[in-house]
Amino acid sequence: RIDAIPGLRVQAAGRRTDLQAYYSYTVLVDPAHLKPGITRTEVMAALQAEGVNANDMWGHVMYRQNLWSVAPDQFRIESCETAENLVYNQAMQMPLQFLMLSEKETAMVADAFEKVMNAYHA
């Protein structure tokens, strides 16, 4: 149901994957599909108000994490635009427990996504 909501895309299994493992579940929101002035931050806050623990778990792309201890002259980043856009503007993550919800609870999460995106979709 979430994948059918305009402006959202759910995490897919890898192309060569028979069995997929997750430590969190990611949903991407396309800012181009949101009303003017609405960002992922407002979408996440609205989802949290509906009881869905959607957040920006990573905070930063890997090479900007506080634990990243590789000296800048020891790695090369040719293009970061896509990764930075995903992490800073699109990715909303739900913790592992999201994948262990009952069918009823999963339906409630989908209801919340539909309600929020109905309000914020352009």
N, C-alpha and C. Protein backbone atom coordinates (compact mmCIF):
# COMPACT_ATOMS: atom_id res chain seq x y z
N ARG A 1 0.82 -1.21 0.00
CA ARG A 1 0.00 0.00 0.00
C ARG A 1 0.85 1.25 0.00
N ILE A 2 1.95 1.28 0.74
CA ILE A 2 2.79 2.47 0.80
C ILE A 2 3.39 2.77 -0.56
N ASP A 3 3.82 1.74 -1.26
CA ASP A 3 4.44 1.94 -2.58
C ASP A 3 3.46 2.51 -3.60
N ALA A 4 2.18 2.37 -3.37
CA ALA A 4 1.16 2.88 -4.29
C ALA A 4 0.83 4.35 -4.04
N ILE A 5 1.37 4.93 -2.97
CA ILE A 5 1.09 6.32 -2.62
C ILE A 5 1.97 7.23 -3.48
N PRO A 6 1.37 8.18 -4.22
CA PRO A 6 2.17 9.09 -5.03
C PRO A 6 3.18 9.86 -4.17
N GLY A 7 4.41 9.92 -4.65
CA GLY A 7 5.46 10.63 -3.95
C GLY A 7 6.28 9.76 -3.01
N LEU A 8 5.91 8.49 -2.85
CA LEU A 8 6.65 7.57 -1.98
C LEU A 8 7.17 6.39 -2.78
N ARG A 9 8.30 5.87 -2.35
CA ARG A 9 8.85 4.65 -2.94
C ARG A 9 9.41 3.81 -1.80
N VAL A 10 9.02 2.55 -1.76
CA VAL A 10 9.49 1.67 -0.68
C VAL A 10 10.79 0.99 -1.06
N GLN A 11 11.46 0.54 -0.04
CA GLN A 11 12.73 -0.17 -0.21
C GLN A 11 12.47 -1.48 -0.94
N ALA A 12 13.26 -1.73 -1.95
CA ALA A 12 13.12 -2.97 -2.72
C ALA A 12 14.30 -3.90 -2.42
N ALA A 13 14.07 -5.17 -2.63
CA ALA A 13 15.16 -6.15 -2.49
C ALA A 13 16.17 -5.93 -3.61
N GLY A 14 17.41 -6.30 -3.35
CA GLY A 14 18.44 -6.20 -4.37
C GLY A 14 18.09 -7.02 -5.60
N ARG A 15 18.59 -6.57 -6.75
CA ARG A 15 18.27 -7.25 -8.02
C ARG A 15 18.73 -8.70 -8.05
N ARG A 16 19.78 -9.03 -7.37
CA ARG A 16 20.31 -10.40 -7.39
C ARG A 16 20.04 -11.14 -6.09
N THR A 17 19.07 -10.68 -5.35
CA THR A 17 18.80 -11.22 -4.03
C THR A 17 17.72 -12.29 -4.05
N ASP A 18 18.02 -13.43 -3.45
CA ASP A 18 17.00 -14.45 -3.23
C ASP A 18 16.35 -14.23 -1.86
N LEU A 19 17.15 -13.85 -0.88
CA LEU A 19 16.69 -13.62 0.48
C LEU A 19 17.25 -12.28 0.93
N GLN A 20 16.40 -11.38 1.37
CA GLN A 20 16.82 -10.03 1.76
C GLN A 20 16.79 -9.89 3.27
N ALA A 21 17.84 -9.32 3.84
CA ALA A 21 17.90 -9.04 5.27
C ALA A 21 17.84 -7.54 5.48
N TYR A 22 17.16 -7.09 6.53
CA TYR A 22 17.03 -5.67 6.83
C TYR A 22 17.37 -5.42 8.29
N TYR A 23 17.94 -4.27 8.59
CA TYR A 23 18.07 -3.83 9.97
C TYR A 23 17.17 -2.62 10.21
N SER A 24 16.63 -2.08 9.14
CA SER A 24 15.62 -1.03 9.20
C SER A 24 14.85 -1.07 7.88
N TYR A 25 13.79 -0.33 7.81
CA TYR A 25 13.00 -0.29 6.59
C TYR A 25 12.95 1.15 6.12
N THR A 26 13.29 1.38 4.86
CA THR A 26 13.40 2.73 4.32
C THR A 26 12.29 3.02 3.31
N VAL A 27 11.71 4.19 3.44
CA VAL A 27 10.75 4.71 2.48
C VAL A 27 11.31 6.05 2.00
N LEU A 28 11.33 6.23 0.68
CA LEU A 28 11.80 7.49 0.11
C LEU A 28 10.61 8.38 -0.22
N VAL A 29 10.72 9.64 0.16
CA VAL A 29 9.71 10.63 -0.20
C VAL A 29 10.34 11.53 -1.26
N ASP A 30 9.62 11.78 -2.32
CA ASP A 30 10.10 12.64 -3.40
C ASP A 30 9.65 14.07 -3.11
N PRO A 31 10.58 14.97 -2.76
CA PRO A 31 10.20 16.34 -2.43
C PRO A 31 9.44 17.05 -3.55
N ALA A 32 9.65 16.64 -4.79
CA ALA A 32 8.94 17.25 -5.93
C ALA A 32 7.44 16.96 -5.88
N HIS A 33 7.03 15.96 -5.10
CA HIS A 33 5.62 15.59 -4.99
C HIS A 33 4.95 16.19 -3.76
N LEU A 34 5.68 17.05 -3.04
CA LEU A 34 5.13 17.65 -1.83
C LEU A 34 4.67 19.08 -2.10
N LYS A 35 3.71 19.55 -1.31
CA LYS A 35 3.24 20.92 -1.42
C LYS A 35 4.41 21.87 -1.15
N PRO A 36 4.37 23.07 -1.72
CA PRO A 36 5.43 24.06 -1.46
C PRO A 36 5.63 24.28 0.04
N GLY A 37 6.88 24.30 0.46
CA GLY A 37 7.21 24.52 1.86
C GLY A 37 7.21 23.28 2.72
N ILE A 38 6.72 22.17 2.20
CA ILE A 38 6.70 20.91 2.96
C ILE A 38 7.96 20.13 2.61
N THR A 39 8.63 19.64 3.62
CA THR A 39 9.85 18.84 3.43
C THR A 39 9.67 17.49 4.10
N ARG A 40 10.67 16.66 3.93
CA ARG A 40 10.67 15.35 4.60
C ARG A 40 10.51 15.52 6.11
N THR A 41 11.07 16.57 6.66
CA THR A 41 10.98 16.80 8.11
C THR A 41 9.53 16.90 8.56
N GLU A 42 8.71 17.65 7.82
CA GLU A 42 7.30 17.77 8.18
C GLU A 42 6.56 16.44 7.98
N VAL A 43 6.92 15.72 6.93
CA VAL A 43 6.30 14.41 6.69
C VAL A 43 6.61 13.47 7.85
N MET A 44 7.88 13.42 8.28
CA MET A 44 8.26 12.55 9.39
C MET A 44 7.55 12.96 10.68
N ALA A 45 7.45 14.27 10.93
CA ALA A 45 6.77 14.74 12.15
C ALA A 45 5.30 14.34 12.13
N ALA A 46 4.67 14.46 10.97
CA ALA A 46 3.26 14.07 10.86
C ALA A 46 3.09 12.56 11.05
N LEU A 47 4.00 11.78 10.49
CA LEU A 47 3.94 10.33 10.67
C LEU A 47 4.13 9.97 12.15
N GLN A 48 5.08 10.65 12.80
CA GLN A 48 5.30 10.39 14.22
C GLN A 48 4.07 10.75 15.04
N ALA A 49 3.37 11.83 14.67
CA ALA A 49 2.13 12.21 15.35
C ALA A 49 1.05 11.14 15.18
N GLU A 50 1.16 10.38 14.08
CA GLU A 50 0.22 9.28 13.83
C GLU A 50 0.70 7.96 14.45
N GLY A 51 1.84 8.01 15.16
CA GLY A 51 2.35 6.82 15.83
C GLY A 51 3.34 5.99 15.03
N VAL A 52 3.81 6.51 13.90
CA VAL A 52 4.78 5.80 13.07
C VAL A 52 6.18 6.35 13.35
N ASN A 53 7.07 5.49 13.78
CA ASN A 53 8.44 5.90 14.11
C ASN A 53 9.28 6.05 12.85
N ALA A 54 9.00 7.08 12.06
CA ALA A 54 9.78 7.38 10.86
C ALA A 54 10.78 8.47 11.21
N ASN A 55 12.05 8.24 10.90
CA ASN A 55 13.07 9.22 11.25
C ASN A 55 14.21 9.20 10.25
N ASP A 56 15.17 10.07 10.46
CA ASP A 56 16.36 10.13 9.60
C ASP A 56 17.54 9.48 10.34
N MET A 57 17.45 8.18 10.54
CA MET A 57 18.39 7.44 11.38
C MET A 57 19.85 7.71 11.07
N TRP A 58 20.18 7.86 9.80
CA TRP A 58 21.60 8.03 9.46
C TRP A 58 22.10 9.40 9.87
N GLY A 59 21.30 10.42 9.72
CA GLY A 59 21.72 11.77 10.06
C GLY A 59 22.61 12.39 9.00
N HIS A 60 23.67 11.70 8.63
CA HIS A 60 24.63 12.20 7.64
C HIS A 60 25.06 11.06 6.72
N VAL A 61 25.55 11.44 5.55
CA VAL A 61 26.17 10.43 4.68
C VAL A 61 27.40 9.90 5.40
N MET A 62 27.84 8.71 5.04
CA MET A 62 28.90 8.02 5.78
C MET A 62 30.15 8.87 5.99
N TYR A 63 30.61 9.53 4.95
CA TYR A 63 31.88 10.27 5.05
C TYR A 63 31.76 11.55 5.87
N ARG A 64 30.56 11.87 6.36
CA ARG A 64 30.39 13.02 7.26
C ARG A 64 29.99 12.59 8.67
N GLN A 65 29.97 11.30 8.92
CA GLN A 65 29.67 10.79 10.25
C GLN A 65 30.84 11.10 11.19
N ASN A 66 30.53 11.34 12.45
CA ASN A 66 31.58 11.60 13.44
C ASN A 66 32.55 10.44 13.58
N LEU A 67 32.08 9.22 13.37
CA LEU A 67 32.95 8.05 13.50
C LEU A 67 33.83 7.81 12.29
N TRP A 68 33.58 8.52 11.19
CA TRP A 68 34.39 8.35 9.97
C TRP A 68 35.77 8.88 10.28
N SER A 69 36.75 8.01 10.34
CA SER A 69 38.10 8.41 10.76
C SER A 69 39.13 8.29 9.64
N VAL A 70 38.68 8.16 8.41
CA VAL A 70 39.59 8.06 7.29
C VAL A 70 39.97 9.48 6.85
N ALA A 71 41.25 9.73 6.75
CA ALA A 71 41.72 11.05 6.34
C ALA A 71 41.24 11.36 4.92
N PRO A 72 40.86 12.61 4.65
CA PRO A 72 40.35 12.97 3.32
C PRO A 72 41.27 12.60 2.16
N ASP A 73 42.56 12.56 2.40
CA ASP A 73 43.47 12.19 1.31
C ASP A 73 43.58 10.66 1.14
N GLN A 74 42.83 9.89 1.92
CA GLN A 74 42.88 8.44 1.86
C GLN A 74 41.66 7.82 1.17
N PHE A 75 40.72 8.64 0.71
CA PHE A 75 39.56 8.12 0.00
C PHE A 75 39.15 9.11 -1.08
N ARG A 76 38.40 8.61 -2.03
CA ARG A 76 37.97 9.46 -3.14
C ARG A 76 36.45 9.37 -3.25
N ILE A 77 35.85 10.53 -3.37
CA ILE A 77 34.42 10.60 -3.60
C ILE A 77 34.24 11.33 -4.91
N GLU A 78 33.80 10.59 -5.93
CA GLU A 78 33.64 11.21 -7.24
C GLU A 78 32.34 11.96 -7.35
N SER A 79 31.28 11.46 -6.77
CA SER A 79 29.99 12.13 -6.83
C SER A 79 29.19 11.74 -5.59
N CYS A 80 28.76 12.73 -4.85
CA CYS A 80 28.01 12.48 -3.62
C CYS A 80 26.58 12.99 -3.72
N GLU A 81 26.25 13.65 -4.80
CA GLU A 81 24.95 14.30 -4.91
C GLU A 81 23.79 13.35 -4.66
N THR A 82 23.82 12.18 -5.23
CA THR A 82 22.72 11.23 -5.06
C THR A 82 22.62 10.76 -3.62
N ALA A 83 23.75 10.37 -3.03
CA ALA A 83 23.74 9.90 -1.64
C ALA A 83 23.28 11.00 -0.70
N GLU A 84 23.78 12.21 -0.90
CA GLU A 84 23.40 13.31 -0.02
C GLU A 84 21.93 13.65 -0.17
N ASN A 85 21.40 13.64 -1.38
CA ASN A 85 19.98 13.92 -1.59
C ASN A 85 19.12 12.86 -0.88
N LEU A 86 19.51 11.60 -1.01
CA LEU A 86 18.74 10.54 -0.35
C LEU A 86 18.76 10.70 1.16
N VAL A 87 19.94 10.90 1.73
CA VAL A 87 20.08 10.97 3.18
C VAL A 87 19.46 12.24 3.76
N TYR A 88 19.66 13.37 3.11
CA TYR A 88 19.21 14.65 3.67
C TYR A 88 17.80 15.07 3.28
N ASN A 89 17.27 14.53 2.19
CA ASN A 89 15.98 15.01 1.70
C ASN A 89 14.91 13.94 1.50
N GLN A 90 15.28 12.68 1.35
CA GLN A 90 14.30 11.68 0.96
C GLN A 90 14.12 10.52 1.91
N ALA A 91 15.17 9.96 2.45
CA ALA A 91 15.08 8.71 3.22
C ALA A 91 14.39 8.91 4.56
N MET A 92 13.38 8.09 4.80
CA MET A 92 12.71 8.00 6.09
C MET A 92 12.84 6.54 6.51
N GLN A 93 13.38 6.31 7.69
CA GLN A 93 13.60 4.94 8.12
C GLN A 93 12.75 4.59 9.32
N MET A 94 12.31 3.34 9.31
CA MET A 94 11.62 2.78 10.45
C MET A 94 12.53 1.68 11.01
N PRO A 95 12.63 1.57 12.32
CA PRO A 95 13.50 0.55 12.91
C PRO A 95 13.02 -0.87 12.60
N LEU A 96 13.88 -1.80 12.88
CA LEU A 96 13.64 -3.22 12.60
C LEU A 96 12.29 -3.70 13.10
N GLN A 97 11.83 -3.19 14.22
CA GLN A 97 10.55 -3.63 14.79
C GLN A 97 9.39 -3.41 13.81
N PHE A 98 9.54 -2.45 12.90
CA PHE A 98 8.52 -2.18 11.89
C PHE A 98 8.25 -3.43 11.07
N LEU A 99 9.28 -4.22 10.83
CA LEU A 99 9.14 -5.42 10.01
C LEU A 99 8.52 -6.59 10.78
N MET A 100 8.27 -6.40 12.07
CA MET A 100 7.72 -7.46 12.90
C MET A 100 6.31 -7.16 13.37
N LEU A 101 5.66 -6.18 12.73
CA LEU A 101 4.31 -5.80 13.14
C LEU A 101 3.29 -6.85 12.71
N SER A 102 2.19 -6.86 13.42
CA SER A 102 1.09 -7.73 13.02
C SER A 102 0.46 -7.16 11.76
N GLU A 103 -0.40 -7.94 11.14
CA GLU A 103 -1.09 -7.48 9.93
C GLU A 103 -1.95 -6.24 10.23
N LYS A 104 -2.59 -6.24 11.39
CA LYS A 104 -3.41 -5.09 11.79
C LYS A 104 -2.55 -3.85 12.00
N GLU A 105 -1.41 -4.01 12.67
CA GLU A 105 -0.52 -2.88 12.91
C GLU A 105 0.08 -2.36 11.60
N THR A 106 0.39 -3.27 10.69
CA THR A 106 0.93 -2.87 9.39
C THR A 106 -0.11 -2.06 8.63
N ALA A 107 -1.36 -2.45 8.69
CA ALA A 107 -2.43 -1.70 8.04
C ALA A 107 -2.56 -0.30 8.65
N MET A 108 -2.38 -0.18 9.96
CA MET A 108 -2.44 1.12 10.62
C MET A 108 -1.30 2.02 10.15
N VAL A 109 -0.12 1.45 9.94
CA VAL A 109 1.02 2.22 9.42
C VAL A 109 0.71 2.71 8.01
N ALA A 110 0.18 1.84 7.18
CA ALA A 110 -0.18 2.23 5.81
C ALA A 110 -1.25 3.32 5.84
N ASP A 111 -2.22 3.21 6.75
CA ASP A 111 -3.25 4.25 6.90
C ASP A 111 -2.59 5.59 7.22
N ALA A 112 -1.61 5.57 8.12
CA ALA A 112 -0.93 6.81 8.53
C ALA A 112 -0.19 7.43 7.35
N PHE A 113 0.52 6.61 6.57
CA PHE A 113 1.22 7.13 5.39
C PHE A 113 0.23 7.75 4.41
N GLU A 114 -0.89 7.07 4.19
CA GLU A 114 -1.91 7.60 3.27
C GLU A 114 -2.48 8.92 3.78
N LYS A 115 -2.77 9.00 5.06
CA LYS A 115 -3.33 10.23 5.63
C LYS A 115 -2.34 11.39 5.50
N VAL A 116 -1.10 11.15 5.86
CA VAL A 116 -0.08 12.22 5.80
C VAL A 116 0.15 12.67 4.36
N MET A 117 0.31 11.72 3.46
CA MET A 117 0.58 12.12 2.08
C MET A 117 -0.64 12.75 1.41
N ASN A 118 -1.86 12.37 1.82
CA ASN A 118 -3.05 13.05 1.31
C ASN A 118 -3.03 14.53 1.70
N ALA A 119 -2.51 14.82 2.89
CA ALA A 119 -2.44 16.20 3.36
C ALA A 119 -1.29 16.97 2.74
N TYR A 120 -0.17 16.31 2.47
CA TYR A 120 1.05 17.00 2.03
C TYR A 120 1.37 16.85 0.56
N HIS A 121 0.68 15.98 -0.14
CA HIS A 121 0.99 15.76 -1.56
C HIS A 121 0.58 16.97 -2.38
N ALA A 122 1.43 17.36 -3.31
CA ALA A 122 1.16 18.54 -4.17
C ALA A 122 0.03 18.23 -5.15
